[in-house]
Amino acid sequence: MLNHVVLVTLNEGVPEKQVAAALEALVALPAAIPQIRSFDCGRNAGLNPNSVDMALVAKFDTVEDYNAYRQHPVHQAFGRDHLLPISQTRTIIQFYSQD
């Protein structure tokens, strides 16, 4: 299984309404993109200092499924319309599960 993880640090002063809209659009991705095997996302729970603000973890059966997700118009629109305007940094990694 291919895991896709994105860690996001938000820009200073981003209105909560804009963050909520981004999370709402993010949660809608699995319904629009059938190649996503599993998906989870959320805001930082605030348990440790110096952490990122948001994270998502998506799982895919194949690299081809991941590439279809990356290029899907709904994913592209999410990044352009919701993520890029509010994020200061994005750290992204893909890795294979050990099982």
Protein backbone atom coordinates (compact mmCIF):
# COMPACT_ATOMS: atom_id res chain seq x y z
CA MET A 1 0.00 0.00 0.00
CA LEU A 2 1.32 3.44 -0.94
CA ASN A 3 0.87 6.08 1.78
CA HIS A 4 0.70 9.77 0.95
CA VAL A 5 1.22 12.18 3.85
CA VAL A 6 0.95 15.96 3.71
CA LEU A 7 1.87 18.19 6.67
CA VAL A 8 0.75 21.82 6.48
CA THR A 9 1.79 24.93 8.37
CA LEU A 10 -0.79 27.67 7.93
CA ASN A 11 -0.07 31.30 7.15
CA GLU A 12 -0.30 33.64 10.15
CA GLY A 13 -3.75 35.12 10.61
CA VAL A 14 -5.68 32.84 8.26
CA PRO A 15 -9.37 33.24 9.14
CA GLU A 16 -10.88 30.16 10.75
CA LYS A 17 -13.67 30.25 8.17
CA GLN A 18 -11.11 29.79 5.39
CA VAL A 19 -9.45 26.88 7.23
CA ALA A 20 -12.84 25.25 7.80
CA ALA A 21 -13.66 25.59 4.09
CA ALA A 22 -10.34 23.96 3.18
CA LEU A 23 -10.99 21.04 5.54
CA GLU A 24 -14.50 20.64 4.14
CA ALA A 25 -13.11 20.47 0.60
CA LEU A 26 -10.40 18.07 1.75
CA VAL A 27 -12.90 15.69 3.35
CA ALA A 28 -14.84 15.64 0.05
CA LEU A 29 -11.88 14.29 -1.97
CA PRO A 30 -12.50 10.55 -1.38
CA ALA A 31 -16.07 10.78 -2.72
CA ALA A 32 -14.79 12.45 -5.89
CA ILE A 33 -11.66 10.36 -6.48
CA PRO A 34 -12.30 6.60 -6.48
CA GLN A 35 -8.60 5.68 -6.50
CA ILE A 36 -8.27 6.73 -2.84
CA ARG A 37 -8.29 3.53 -0.74
CA SER A 38 -8.44 5.30 2.64
CA PHE A 39 -8.22 8.89 3.75
CA ASP A 40 -7.93 10.83 6.99
CA CYS A 41 -7.19 14.46 7.75
CA GLY A 42 -7.51 17.03 10.49
CA ARG A 43 -6.20 19.93 12.51
CA ASN A 44 -3.40 19.63 15.02
CA ALA A 45 -4.69 18.42 18.39
CA GLY A 46 -2.19 20.73 20.10
CA LEU A 47 -0.51 18.08 22.23
CA ASN A 48 3.08 19.02 21.36
CA PRO A 49 4.74 22.39 20.77
CA ASN A 50 6.32 23.25 17.43
CA SER A 51 3.97 21.04 15.43
CA VAL A 52 2.34 21.60 12.05
CA ASP A 53 -1.24 22.86 11.82
CA MET A 54 -2.92 20.27 9.57
CA ALA A 55 -2.23 16.83 8.18
CA LEU A 56 -3.68 14.35 5.75
CA VAL A 57 -2.94 10.69 5.12
CA ALA A 58 -4.23 9.00 1.98
CA LYS A 59 -3.60 5.39 0.97
CA PHE A 60 -3.49 3.98 -2.55
CA ASP A 61 -3.22 0.46 -3.92
CA THR A 62 -0.80 1.42 -6.68
CA VAL A 63 1.41 4.23 -7.92
CA GLU A 64 -0.97 4.56 -10.87
CA ASP A 65 -3.84 5.20 -8.44
CA TYR A 66 -1.76 7.84 -6.65
CA ASN A 67 -0.89 9.51 -9.97
CA ALA A 68 -4.57 9.53 -10.95
CA TYR A 69 -5.34 11.25 -7.64
CA ARG A 70 -2.58 13.84 -8.15
CA GLN A 71 -3.86 14.73 -11.60
CA HIS A 72 -7.58 14.54 -10.81
CA PRO A 73 -9.31 17.90 -11.46
CA VAL A 74 -10.97 17.89 -8.02
CA HIS A 75 -7.58 17.43 -6.32
CA GLN A 76 -6.02 20.10 -8.50
CA ALA A 77 -8.85 22.53 -7.66
CA PHE A 78 -8.50 21.78 -3.94
CA GLY A 79 -4.82 22.67 -4.00
CA ARG A 80 -5.26 25.79 -6.07
CA ASP A 81 -8.41 27.15 -4.41
CA HIS A 82 -8.04 26.03 -0.80
CA LEU A 83 -4.60 24.78 0.21
CA LEU A 84 -2.17 27.14 -1.51
CA PRO A 85 -3.90 30.34 -0.32
CA ILE A 86 -3.70 29.37 3.37
CA SER A 87 -0.46 27.41 3.67
CA GLN A 88 2.94 28.75 4.55
CA THR A 89 4.64 25.38 4.07
CA ARG A 90 3.67 21.91 2.90
CA THR A 91 5.80 18.86 3.57
CA ILE A 92 4.88 15.82 1.49
CA ILE A 93 6.07 12.22 1.57
CA GLN A 94 5.00 8.98 -0.03
CA PHE A 95 6.07 5.67 1.48
CA TYR A 96 5.13 2.01 1.25
CA SER A 97 3.56 0.27 4.24
CA GLN A 98 5.65 -2.47 5.82
CA ASP A 99 2.80 -5.01 5.84
